[in-house]
Amino acid sequence: MEKIAIIEIKNSSAVLSIYDSQNGRSKLIRTENDKINVGNDIEEDKLLKPKTISDIVSILKLYRNIIEENDVQKIIGVADGVVLQARNQRGFFEEIYNNTGMTFSFLNDEEIVKNTYYSVVNKIDNSKGTIINISSHNTYIIKYNRRTTLGFVNINYGYENISNGLTNFQDIKSAFLEKLDLNDLVIDENEPFVGVGNAFINLGRIAKKVEHYPLEIDNNYPVSQGLEKKVTDFINSLDLEKIKKVKGLVEDRTDVLISQLALISAIYEKLKINELSVSTASVSDGVIISSVSTDIQEKFSDLLGSSFDSIHEFNKDENSVNLRVANMAGILFKQLKVMHKLPRAYVKPMRVAAYMFDYGKKVNFEDYEKHGFYMILNSGLCGVSQKDLLLGAFICQCQTADNFNLSQWMKYKDLLNDEDLNAVRKLGIIIKLAVALNSSKKQVVTDVMCDILGDSVIMKTIVNSDPTYEILQGMKVAQDYRKFFKKNLQLI
């Protein structure tokens, strides 16, 4: 396993991200974020001030200590192209190198777009659409289709440099609309939109408060045009002191919140967005993906499967059967379709529960199915909607039928319905049966064939060796199977 550190010098912040890397997969293990004044200095006279340089060098020295404490083997330093505008940028980077030994490369517009795109398509499963990335001093609008970028525009204004002394929401919005030129970029309002950056994460977090949304997950949270307007109306109804008390925002940047929401409102209006998905994608994630992945395109064919593999890479042991349990659950879903009568829409949440059926053991072996519920919700799995992730968590918990808790279910009543309730109970039993058929941790049972005879289901196992133990464990599921499928189960 290799540890890789990515250090970004941005317009208004220095960011350290440390990743574990192994077999083309990566896992974020630590971040640090500190405010700097690069953008403001360059706006004034294209010259980085001595204090700014000194502050950045001090921060990077601290980052160097953190890197050494974490036994990092590789450091990647990148700087936004805005630094290139500084007349003393060569002396700036010499000062950094002399004090820290770190070297930096510049990210131009094309590289920022590429890395933003890589990160987004590894976070959200859309084959085509439009990405909007708002940062402190730039706004990128990126069009992509069939896993490649088609074009982009960079508006050289973000939520810090657009205001120029303006404090009124509508004035900032109008000022940005004047700058919002798409040039020749053609945007299809019927294709998916993805919002990237702290401004959109803040939008999502406030939106959840406004609509009393029960999940605290940022990635892949949908914000409709109506909900976006509710958020902006809510913030505009508050005075400045109350805005400063809004909790849970990224970096607690309430000082730029009005500007962030004004830019977002302008983009919704200009692009005629009906709904947008918030993404936690970042340039640093894109840099690490392009640095460690052997085949980026391979991940795109099954984003959820790739996300499983990334999680499993850092948690697996020699006895792991997660993939085989997931495959067996898929076989059982097909074989038992005439009895469970569930649509294919439930395959993805079932797959989540099957692949992560035992992740609760990392908390405590006792009642691990219950612990699996919040392990799944906080797993960071990509390629799955927030509702499907929630269903997967309930399915995992319902491997033991008595684990179902109606009061817990009611907490999410605005996202779930009666059909979902029927589904999670039945699919929990299917997962439990799939686990039982892999009890010896060897691929003894390769397939099953089911016959329905009156009030019984005869499940014939197709095997590589003696399945006695698997059948013994499988029959322990028979009582719960009878309860929810109304049939007696017999394994042979």
Foldseek 3Di string as FASTA:
>chain_A
DAKEWEWEAEQFKIKIWIWDFDPLFIDTDDMDIDTAHNNVVCVVPLADDPVRLVVVLVVVVVVLVVCVVVVHDYYAYEYEPSLVSRPCSVVSQVVNCVRRVDHYDYQYPVLQLQLLLLQVLLFAQFQWFWEWEADQFKIKIWGGHRSGTDDIDIQRGHLNPQCVVPDDLQVSLVSVLVSPDGDPDDHDQPGAYEYEDQLQLQLQVLLCVVVVALAPDRFFDKAFPVSLVVSLVVLNVDDLVVLLVDPDGVVSPSVRNSSSSSNVNSCCVVNVHGMHTYHHGGSVNSVSSVVRHPDSVVCSVQSLVVLLCNLCVVPPDPLDCLVQLLVQLVQVCVQCCVQLVDDPVLNLLLSLLSSQLQVLVVVPNVLSLLSQLVCQSPVSRHHDHNLSSNLSSLLSSLLPVVSDDVVVVVSNPVSDDPSSVLVSNQSSLSSNLSCLQCVVSDQFFDHWHWDDDPQAIEIETDGDDDSVRSQVSNQVSQVSCCVNRVGGYHYD
